[in-house]
Protein backbone atom coordinates (compact mmCIF):
# COMPACT_ATOMS: atom_id res chain seq x y z
CA MET A 1 -15.20 6.47 -38.31
CA LYS A 2 -11.79 6.37 -40.00
CA PRO A 3 -10.53 3.55 -42.23
CA PHE A 4 -8.26 0.96 -40.64
CA TYR A 5 -5.36 1.65 -42.99
CA ALA A 6 -4.93 5.34 -42.26
CA PRO A 7 -1.68 5.94 -40.35
CA GLU A 8 -1.75 7.83 -37.09
CA ALA A 9 0.15 11.10 -36.99
CA GLN A 10 2.04 10.34 -33.79
CA GLY A 11 2.65 6.59 -34.14
CA ASP A 12 2.69 3.65 -36.47
CA ALA A 13 5.76 4.57 -38.48
CA VAL A 14 5.46 1.42 -40.60
CA TRP A 15 2.09 2.42 -42.08
CA ALA A 16 3.34 5.96 -42.56
CA LEU A 17 6.28 4.65 -44.61
CA VAL A 18 4.43 1.98 -46.56
CA GLY A 19 1.04 3.62 -46.90
CA SER A 20 -2.15 1.69 -47.41
CA PRO A 21 -1.82 -2.07 -47.99
CA MET A 22 -4.85 -1.96 -50.30
CA GLY A 23 -2.76 -1.08 -53.34
CA LEU A 24 -0.48 -4.05 -52.75
CA LEU A 25 -3.46 -6.34 -52.17
CA ALA A 26 -5.15 -5.15 -55.37
CA ALA A 27 -1.96 -5.65 -57.39
CA TYR A 28 -1.53 -9.15 -55.95
CA LEU A 29 -5.12 -10.13 -56.73
CA ILE A 30 -4.87 -8.82 -60.29
CA ALA A 31 -1.62 -10.70 -60.85
CA VAL A 32 -2.81 -14.02 -59.39
CA ASN A 33 -6.11 -13.87 -61.31
CA LEU A 34 -4.30 -13.19 -64.57
CA TRP A 35 -1.97 -16.08 -63.75
CA ALA A 36 -4.91 -18.43 -63.11
CA LEU A 37 -6.59 -17.33 -66.34
CA GLY A 38 -3.33 -17.91 -68.20
CA LEU A 39 -2.96 -21.38 -66.69
CA MET A 40 -6.44 -22.32 -67.89
CA TRP A 41 -5.64 -21.00 -71.37
CA ALA A 42 -2.31 -22.84 -71.50
CA ASP A 43 -3.84 -26.11 -70.34
CA LYS A 44 -6.64 -25.82 -72.90
CA ARG A 45 -4.09 -25.29 -75.69
CA ARG A 46 -2.03 -28.24 -74.47
CA ALA A 47 -5.13 -30.43 -74.24
CA LYS A 48 -5.65 -30.04 -77.99
CA ARG A 49 -2.13 -31.26 -78.83
CA PRO A 50 -1.45 -34.98 -78.47
CA GLY A 51 1.44 -35.78 -76.16
CA ALA A 52 1.74 -32.23 -74.80
CA ARG A 53 2.63 -31.83 -71.13
CA ARG A 54 -0.47 -30.63 -69.28
CA VAL A 55 -0.88 -28.35 -66.29
CA ARG A 56 -1.66 -30.37 -63.17
CA GLU A 57 -5.15 -30.08 -61.79
CA ARG A 58 -3.78 -29.38 -58.35
CA THR A 59 -1.85 -26.43 -59.82
CA LEU A 60 -5.09 -25.05 -61.23
CA PHE A 61 -6.79 -25.44 -57.86
CA LEU A 62 -3.81 -23.97 -56.01
CA SER A 63 -3.89 -20.87 -58.20
CA ALA A 64 -7.58 -20.50 -57.32
CA LEU A 65 -6.95 -21.01 -53.59
CA LEU A 66 -4.21 -18.37 -53.62
CA GLY A 67 -6.74 -15.77 -54.73
CA GLY A 68 -7.14 -16.47 -58.43
CA SER A 69 -10.56 -18.11 -58.26
CA LEU A 70 -12.19 -15.39 -60.36
CA GLY A 71 -9.58 -15.82 -63.10
CA ALA A 72 -9.83 -19.61 -62.96
CA ALA A 73 -13.63 -19.58 -63.12
CA ALA A 74 -13.53 -17.07 -65.96
CA GLY A 75 -11.00 -19.24 -67.78
CA MET A 76 -13.25 -22.26 -67.40
CA ARG A 77 -16.15 -20.42 -69.00
CA LEU A 78 -14.18 -18.42 -71.56
CA PHE A 79 -12.14 -21.33 -72.91
CA ARG A 80 -14.73 -24.04 -72.15
CA HIS A 81 -12.09 -25.92 -70.23
CA LYS A 82 -12.59 -28.45 -67.41
CA THR A 83 -16.35 -28.00 -67.64
CA LYS A 84 -17.03 -31.76 -67.70
CA HIS A 85 -15.25 -32.39 -64.40
CA TRP A 86 -17.67 -32.04 -61.49
CA TYR A 87 -14.95 -31.04 -59.06
CA PHE A 88 -14.06 -28.05 -61.25
CA VAL A 89 -17.67 -27.14 -62.04
CA TRP A 90 -18.54 -27.06 -58.35
CA GLY A 91 -15.10 -26.42 -56.83
CA MET A 92 -14.07 -23.19 -58.57
CA PRO A 93 -17.34 -21.34 -57.87
CA ALA A 94 -17.26 -22.65 -54.28
CA ILE A 95 -13.75 -21.29 -53.78
CA LEU A 96 -14.82 -17.98 -55.33
CA ALA A 97 -17.88 -17.77 -53.06
CA LEU A 98 -15.77 -18.50 -49.97
CA GLN A 99 -13.21 -15.86 -50.94
CA ILE A 100 -15.94 -13.27 -51.52
CA ALA A 101 -17.48 -14.12 -48.15
CA LEU A 102 -14.07 -13.81 -46.48
CA ALA A 103 -13.47 -10.43 -48.15
CA VAL A 104 -16.87 -9.12 -47.03
CA TRP A 105 -16.29 -10.39 -43.50
CA ALA A 106 -12.84 -8.77 -43.37
CA ALA A 107 -14.13 -5.48 -44.75
CA VAL A 108 -16.98 -5.33 -42.23
CA ARG A 109 -14.71 -6.30 -39.35
CA TRP A 110 -11.91 -3.86 -40.15
CA MET A 111 -14.06 -0.91 -41.13
CA LYS A 112 -15.67 -0.68 -37.69
């Protein structure tokens, strides 16, 4: 059984030129998780200063939905931020669990 991302010798010129999409996916996930972690850190710092402009909650959730749920959940725990809001306490781990389930499903489906 060969991996789905291996280019064929006689066809699929796009994959032969680009290579495996796994490197791009890994780079994207690292970047978006660092971004989500940074957003949590920035919002925590701004929360301590009176009158500072805060990061919107929907922006924090959007960063998680775009793949940064691990970074957002880690930021919640690391900086003790948004831990009194039930929709963050339950929402971020739920998004992370759904993304892990989607990744496992995709890996099983494409590795056949």
